[in-house]
Amino acid sequence: MGRQLLVLRHGKSDWDIDVNDFDRPLKNRGKRDAQRMGVWLRQQDLLPDFIISSPAERAKNTAEKLTKATGLTANHVHYDSRIYEASLTDLKAVLGDCPASAARVLLIGHNPSLESLIENLHRGQLQKTEDGKRLPTATLAILAMPEHWGLLNKACATVESITRPTTLPKKFVFNGLTGLEQRKRPPYYYSQSAAIPYRIEKGEFQILVISSSGNNHWGIPKGIIEPGYTAPASAAIEAWEEAGVRGVISDHMLGYYLHEKWGGICTVQVYPMAVTEWVDDKEWEENYRNRQWLSLKKASSVVNQKSLQTMFASLAASLSNRKA
């Protein structure tokens, strides 16, 4: 197989947010479309060897959502400022700088420059769809390319396919205990980890609990186990983002609990974390939440999951035994 160029326009951006063009994020639709395209690339065995993206927020969001859905990580993405507001010459220069060893390159950027690139490289003009668009948001064009990224003359490539997110399934396949299911998010969303941040204050064992994003119940920091990270490492990241604390997180899982979200059941692995750093409210990334240090008895009374209450008690007992 020769070289391939995958050209992806960023997902649908959010024009309701009052920011400059560079900082405009994706709409939820744009995020889901990027994830559908990532899952499709994995299913078609079309994972890229090298990924380059515009650093504009909507392109960056697209790259992050797509790569995670493929099973890769955001660390695989290389950002190049030349892609934002690029000319045809700029894009050819970006491709010319790709590693010679890369057989399949994914380029994530913007119109009209991406359409110009495809039409220049392709032997013929792109066909418009029923809505008059050649490369709508989150649409992927795959081109068969010449042997050298630095020799991109006009009409040197052929468009092999163009795939729009509207042609892909709205839901994602999940292989559960009862067989294959259709869920609202990619499978990795349903594997989560959480931290129990704790400290010993004046001889008393205390647990840090945080409010949910809607401030309607109490819990502990938790989130998706991001591709490329271990469960404890992901839990530590969530503790920093959601609770504003860092510390020493154990590799030993205390237990797990289940909760419903996104049309399915999430499994949450739980790890204890001895807190060593507490960020000020002004610097706390998610300071729209509330947080409070509570005794074992009080912390157990405010969380809903019985299995989590059991883990609180188990952690307290293990620490007490160590001191004895």
Protein backbone atom coordinates (compact mmCIF):
# COMPACT_ATOMS: atom_id res chain seq x y z
CA MET A 1 0.00 0.00 0.00
CA GLY A 2 1.26 3.49 -0.86
CA ARG A 3 1.02 6.58 1.31
CA GLN A 4 -2.32 8.00 2.39
CA LEU A 5 -3.37 11.47 3.46
CA LEU A 6 -6.42 11.76 5.69
CA VAL A 7 -7.87 15.28 5.59
CA LEU A 8 -10.38 16.10 8.32
CA ARG A 9 -12.23 19.36 8.72
CA HIS A 10 -12.82 20.27 12.38
CA GLY A 11 -16.23 19.53 13.94
CA LYS A 12 -19.14 21.96 14.20
CA SER A 13 -18.10 24.96 16.30
CA ASP A 14 -20.15 26.89 18.83
CA TRP A 15 -21.06 30.35 17.53
CA ASP A 16 -23.18 31.13 20.59
CA ILE A 17 -20.07 31.73 22.70
CA ASP A 18 -18.64 35.25 22.50
CA VAL A 19 -14.95 34.58 21.87
CA ASN A 20 -12.52 35.37 19.08
CA ASP A 21 -12.31 33.01 16.12
CA PHE A 22 -9.18 31.18 17.29
CA ASP A 23 -10.69 30.32 20.70
CA ARG A 24 -14.12 29.15 19.50
CA PRO A 25 -14.83 25.63 20.86
CA LEU A 26 -16.91 22.79 19.45
CA LYS A 27 -20.62 22.35 19.93
CA ASN A 28 -21.67 19.04 21.48
CA ARG A 29 -22.60 17.90 17.99
CA GLY A 30 -19.04 18.62 16.86
CA LYS A 31 -17.60 16.56 19.73
CA ARG A 32 -19.82 13.57 18.95
CA ASP A 33 -19.03 13.77 15.22
CA ALA A 34 -15.29 13.74 15.97
CA GLN A 35 -15.76 10.68 18.17
CA ARG A 36 -17.82 8.87 15.53
CA MET A 37 -15.09 9.54 12.98
CA GLY A 38 -12.44 8.25 15.40
CA VAL A 39 -14.36 5.02 16.01
CA TRP A 40 -14.86 4.60 12.26
CA LEU A 41 -11.11 5.01 11.59
CA ARG A 42 -10.37 2.29 14.13
CA GLN A 43 -13.01 -0.03 12.68
CA GLN A 44 -11.62 0.48 9.16
CA ASP A 45 -8.04 -0.14 10.33
CA LEU A 46 -7.07 3.37 9.23
CA LEU A 47 -5.15 4.59 12.27
CA PRO A 48 -2.69 7.35 11.27
CA ASP A 49 1.06 7.14 11.81
CA PHE A 50 1.32 10.90 12.25
CA ILE A 51 -1.31 13.48 13.24
CA ILE A 52 -1.02 17.22 12.63
CA SER A 53 -3.63 19.77 13.62
CA SER A 54 -4.36 23.44 13.70
CA PRO A 55 -3.96 24.76 17.27
CA ALA A 56 -7.28 26.67 17.05
CA GLU A 57 -9.60 25.50 19.84
CA ARG A 58 -12.21 23.85 17.59
CA ALA A 59 -9.53 21.89 15.71
CA LYS A 60 -7.75 21.00 18.95
CA ASN A 61 -11.04 19.75 20.46
CA THR A 62 -11.64 17.69 17.32
CA ALA A 63 -8.17 16.15 17.46
CA GLU A 64 -8.51 15.25 21.14
CA LYS A 65 -11.96 13.67 20.80
CA LEU A 66 -11.02 11.74 17.66
CA THR A 67 -7.71 10.37 18.95
CA LYS A 68 -9.22 9.12 22.22
CA ALA A 69 -12.01 7.38 20.30
CA THR A 70 -9.38 5.59 18.20
CA GLY A 71 -7.59 4.36 21.32
CA LEU A 72 -4.67 6.77 20.82
CA THR A 73 -4.02 9.72 23.14
CA ALA A 74 -3.91 13.49 22.69
CA ASN A 75 -0.12 13.19 23.03
CA HIS A 76 -0.04 11.75 19.50
CA VAL A 77 -1.20 15.09 18.05
CA HIS A 78 1.32 17.62 16.72
CA TYR A 79 0.03 21.20 16.52
CA ASP A 80 1.25 23.50 13.77
CA SER A 81 0.27 27.19 13.72
CA ARG A 82 0.67 27.31 9.93
CA ILE A 83 -2.56 25.29 9.52
CA TYR A 84 -4.73 28.06 11.01
CA GLU A 85 -5.67 30.54 8.22
CA ALA A 86 -3.38 28.55 5.92
CA SER A 87 -2.75 29.11 2.26
CA LEU A 88 -2.30 26.20 -0.14
CA THR A 89 1.46 26.80 0.03
CA ASP A 90 1.36 26.67 3.83
CA LEU A 91 -0.43 23.31 3.89
CA LYS A 92 1.94 21.76 1.37
CA ALA A 93 4.85 22.99 3.50
CA VAL A 94 3.30 21.42 6.61
CA LEU A 95 2.91 18.10 4.80
CA GLY A 96 6.42 18.37 3.44
CA ASP A 97 7.71 18.44 7.03
CA CYS A 98 6.02 15.15 7.91
CA PRO A 99 8.37 12.28 8.82
CA ALA A 100 9.46 10.25 5.81
CA SER A 101 8.51 7.12 7.76
CA ALA A 102 4.84 8.19 8.07
CA ALA A 103 2.80 6.13 5.61
CA ARG A 104 -0.56 7.55 6.72
CA VAL A 105 -0.89 11.18 7.85
CA LEU A 106 -3.98 12.78 9.36
CA LEU A 107 -4.32 16.54 8.82
CA ILE A 108 -6.98 18.39 10.86
CA GLY A 109 -7.76 21.93 9.83
CA HIS A 110 -10.14 24.47 8.36
CA ASN A 111 -11.96 25.46 5.23
CA PRO A 112 -11.52 26.89 2.65
CA SER A 113 -7.85 25.87 2.74
CA LEU A 114 -8.55 22.12 3.12
CA GLU A 115 -10.84 22.08 0.07
CA SER A 116 -8.20 23.98 -1.89
CA LEU A 117 -5.57 21.43 -0.88
CA ILE A 118 -7.70 18.44 -1.85
CA GLU A 119 -8.72 19.95 -5.19
CA ASN A 120 -5.12 20.86 -5.99
CA LEU A 121 -3.80 17.39 -5.18
CA HIS A 122 -6.72 15.46 -6.65
CA ARG A 123 -7.02 14.66 -10.32
CA GLY A 124 -10.31 16.47 -10.74
CA GLN A 125 -12.73 18.66 -8.80
CA LEU A 126 -14.52 17.56 -5.65
CA GLN A 127 -18.19 16.88 -6.13
CA LYS A 128 -20.70 18.94 -4.17
CA THR A 129 -23.28 17.13 -2.08
CA GLU A 130 -27.01 17.87 -2.04
CA ASP A 131 -26.49 20.78 0.35
CA GLY A 132 -23.89 22.34 -1.95
CA LYS A 133 -20.92 21.52 0.31
CA ARG A 134 -17.76 19.68 -0.64
CA LEU A 135 -16.19 19.22 2.80
CA PRO A 136 -18.70 19.86 5.62
CA THR A 137 -17.58 19.92 9.26
CA ALA A 138 -16.07 16.67 10.62
CA THR A 139 -15.93 15.21 7.11
CA LEU A 140 -12.94 13.03 6.21
CA ALA A 141 -11.33 12.78 2.78
CA ILE A 142 -8.80 10.00 2.13
CA LEU A 143 -6.26 10.51 -0.65
CA ALA A 144 -3.79 8.09 -2.20
CA MET A 145 -0.51 10.01 -2.23
CA PRO A 146 2.88 9.92 -3.98
CA GLU A 147 5.89 8.36 -2.27
CA HIS A 148 7.38 11.61 -0.91
CA TRP A 149 5.56 14.15 1.28
CA GLY A 150 7.83 16.87 -0.04
CA LEU A 151 6.86 16.32 -3.70
CA LEU A 152 3.22 17.40 -3.77
CA ASN A 153 2.61 18.66 -7.27
CA LYS A 154 -0.79 19.49 -8.69
CA ALA A 155 -2.86 16.39 -9.53
CA CYS A 156 -0.37 14.07 -7.84
CA ALA A 157 -2.99 12.26 -5.75
CA THR A 158 -6.38 10.61 -6.01
CA VAL A 159 -9.33 10.92 -3.65
CA GLU A 160 -10.20 7.38 -2.52
CA SER A 161 -13.22 8.25 -0.36
CA ILE A 162 -15.08 11.03 1.41
CA THR A 163 -16.94 10.14 4.61
CA ARG A 164 -19.38 12.43 6.38
CA PRO A 165 -20.34 11.96 10.04
CA THR A 166 -24.02 11.97 9.08
CA THR A 167 -23.48 8.60 7.35
CA LEU A 168 -22.10 6.98 10.53
CA PRO A 169 -24.13 5.39 13.37
CA LYS A 170 -25.39 7.84 15.98
CA LYS A 171 -24.59 5.44 18.82
CA PHE A 172 -21.46 3.51 19.73
CA VAL A 173 -21.10 -0.26 20.08
CA PHE A 174 -20.34 -1.40 23.63
CA ASN A 175 -19.45 -5.01 24.46
CA GLY A 176 -21.17 -5.53 27.81
CA LEU A 177 -21.87 -8.51 30.04
CA THR A 178 -25.12 -9.18 28.20
CA GLY A 179 -23.55 -8.86 24.74
CA LEU A 180 -23.29 -5.97 22.30
CA GLU A 181 -25.15 -2.79 23.25
CA GLN A 182 -25.70 0.60 21.63
CA ARG A 183 -24.56 3.47 23.86
CA LYS A 184 -24.44 7.25 23.63
CA ARG A 185 -20.66 7.56 24.09
CA PRO A 186 -17.54 5.64 22.99
CA PRO A 187 -16.81 2.53 25.10
CA TYR A 188 -13.93 4.05 27.10
CA TYR A 189 -16.32 6.56 28.70
CA TYR A 190 -17.82 3.78 30.82
CA SER A 191 -14.54 2.78 32.52
CA GLN A 192 -13.82 5.35 35.20
CA SER A 193 -11.63 5.82 38.25
CA ALA A 194 -11.97 7.92 41.38
CA ALA A 195 -9.79 9.14 44.24
CA ILE A 196 -10.62 9.30 47.93
CA PRO A 197 -8.58 12.34 49.02
CA TYR A 198 -7.76 12.03 52.73
CA ARG A 199 -5.61 13.59 55.44
CA ILE A 200 -4.88 13.24 59.15
CA GLU A 201 -5.70 16.56 60.80
CA LYS A 202 -4.86 16.86 64.53
CA GLY A 203 -5.04 13.11 64.81
CA GLU A 204 -8.42 12.85 63.03
CA PHE A 205 -8.93 10.98 59.76
CA GLN A 206 -10.70 13.29 57.27
CA ILE A 207 -12.02 12.82 53.75
CA LEU A 208 -12.42 15.56 51.16
CA VAL A 209 -15.80 15.43 49.43
CA ILE A 210 -16.86 17.60 46.51
CA SER A 211 -20.20 18.61 45.11
CA SER A 212 -21.40 17.45 41.71
CA SER A 213 -21.16 19.92 38.83
CA GLY A 214 -24.78 20.86 39.50
CA ASN A 215 -24.13 21.14 43.25
CA ASN A 216 -26.99 18.73 44.02
CA HIS A 217 -25.10 15.90 45.74
CA TRP A 218 -21.76 15.06 47.34
CA GLY A 219 -19.15 12.61 46.14
CA ILE A 220 -15.46 12.16 45.38
CA PRO A 221 -13.48 13.24 42.29
CA LYS A 222 -13.94 10.75 39.47
CA GLY A 223 -13.77 10.61 35.70
CA ILE A 224 -13.07 8.62 32.57
CA ILE A 225 -9.90 6.53 32.48
CA GLU A 226 -8.27 8.36 29.62
CA PRO A 227 -6.64 6.23 26.89
CA GLY A 228 -2.92 5.94 27.62
CA TYR A 229 -3.30 6.42 31.40
CA THR A 230 -3.57 3.93 34.24
CA ALA A 231 -6.67 4.02 36.45
CA PRO A 232 -4.76 5.53 39.44
CA ALA A 233 -3.11 8.17 37.22
CA SER A 234 -6.49 9.19 35.80
CA ALA A 235 -7.92 9.36 39.34
CA ALA A 236 -5.08 11.68 40.38
CA ILE A 237 -5.81 13.97 37.43
CA GLU A 238 -9.48 14.11 38.40
CA ALA A 239 -8.54 14.94 42.00
CA TRP A 240 -6.55 17.92 40.78
CA GLU A 241 -9.16 19.17 38.32
CA GLU A 242 -12.33 18.50 40.31
CA ALA A 243 -11.09 18.94 43.88
CA GLY A 244 -7.97 21.09 43.53
CA VAL A 245 -5.73 18.68 45.44
CA ARG A 246 -2.61 16.66 44.73
CA GLY A 247 -1.01 13.90 46.71
CA VAL A 248 0.29 10.35 46.82
CA ILE A 249 -2.18 8.01 45.16
CA SER A 250 -2.08 4.30 45.87
CA ASP A 251 -1.83 1.69 43.12
CA HIS A 252 -4.02 -0.57 45.27
CA MET A 253 -7.70 -0.39 44.33
CA LEU A 254 -9.93 -0.15 47.41
CA GLY A 255 -12.94 -1.36 45.46
CA TYR A 256 -15.40 -0.20 42.84
CA TYR A 257 -18.96 1.00 42.46
CA LEU A 258 -21.45 1.35 39.61
CA HIS A 259 -23.44 4.35 38.46
CA GLU A 260 -25.73 5.11 35.53
CA LYS A 261 -24.71 7.68 32.94
CA TRP A 262 -24.88 8.21 29.17
CA GLY A 263 -27.44 5.46 28.71
CA GLY A 264 -25.34 2.76 30.36
CA ILE A 265 -23.60 1.61 33.54
CA CYS A 266 -20.19 3.04 34.40
CA THR A 267 -17.73 1.03 36.51
CA VAL A 268 -15.73 3.30 38.85
CA GLN A 269 -12.47 1.97 40.34
CA VAL A 270 -11.57 3.74 43.60
CA TYR A 271 -8.07 4.58 44.91
CA PRO A 272 -7.01 6.34 48.12
CA MET A 273 -4.89 9.49 47.87
CA ALA A 274 -2.97 11.06 50.74
CA VAL A 275 -3.29 14.80 50.08
CA THR A 276 -0.08 16.84 50.15
CA GLU A 277 -1.14 19.97 48.23
CA TRP A 278 -4.30 22.07 48.40
CA VAL A 279 -4.79 24.77 45.75
CA ASP A 280 -6.44 28.08 46.60
CA ASP A 281 -10.04 28.54 45.43
CA LYS A 282 -8.97 31.19 42.90
CA GLU A 283 -6.60 28.76 41.19
CA TRP A 284 -8.87 25.73 41.44
CA GLU A 285 -9.89 24.72 37.91
CA GLU A 286 -13.45 23.69 38.84
CA ASN A 287 -14.18 26.19 41.61
CA TYR A 288 -17.85 26.27 40.64
CA ARG A 289 -18.08 23.15 42.82
CA ASN A 290 -18.07 23.09 46.63
CA ARG A 291 -15.63 21.05 48.69
CA GLN A 292 -15.24 20.25 52.35
CA TRP A 293 -13.14 18.11 54.70
CA LEU A 294 -15.34 15.82 56.76
CA SER A 295 -14.90 13.20 59.45
CA LEU A 296 -15.38 9.55 58.50
CA LYS A 297 -18.87 9.53 60.01
CA LYS A 298 -19.98 12.74 58.31
CA ALA A 299 -18.44 11.87 54.93
CA SER A 300 -20.20 8.49 54.99
CA SER A 301 -23.52 10.17 55.70
CA VAL A 302 -23.40 12.58 52.74
CA VAL A 303 -22.44 10.17 49.92
CA ASN A 304 -25.14 8.02 48.31
CA GLN A 305 -23.21 4.87 47.33
CA LYS A 306 -23.17 2.25 50.10
CA SER A 307 -20.10 0.63 48.55
CA LEU A 308 -18.29 3.98 48.80
CA GLN A 309 -19.24 4.24 52.49
CA THR A 310 -17.72 0.80 53.00
CA MET A 311 -14.52 1.89 51.25
CA PHE A 312 -14.27 4.97 53.48
CA ALA A 313 -14.43 2.73 56.55
CA SER A 314 -11.94 0.26 55.08
CA LEU A 315 -9.44 3.03 54.36
CA ALA A 316 -9.78 4.47 57.85
CA ALA A 317 -9.27 1.02 59.39
CA SER A 318 -6.18 0.27 57.31
CA LEU A 319 -4.57 3.58 58.31
CA SER A 320 -5.41 2.95 61.94
CA ASN A 321 -3.84 -0.51 61.78
CA ARG A 322 -0.65 0.95 60.34
CA LYS A 323 -0.29 3.26 63.32
CA ALA A 324 -0.95 0.49 65.83
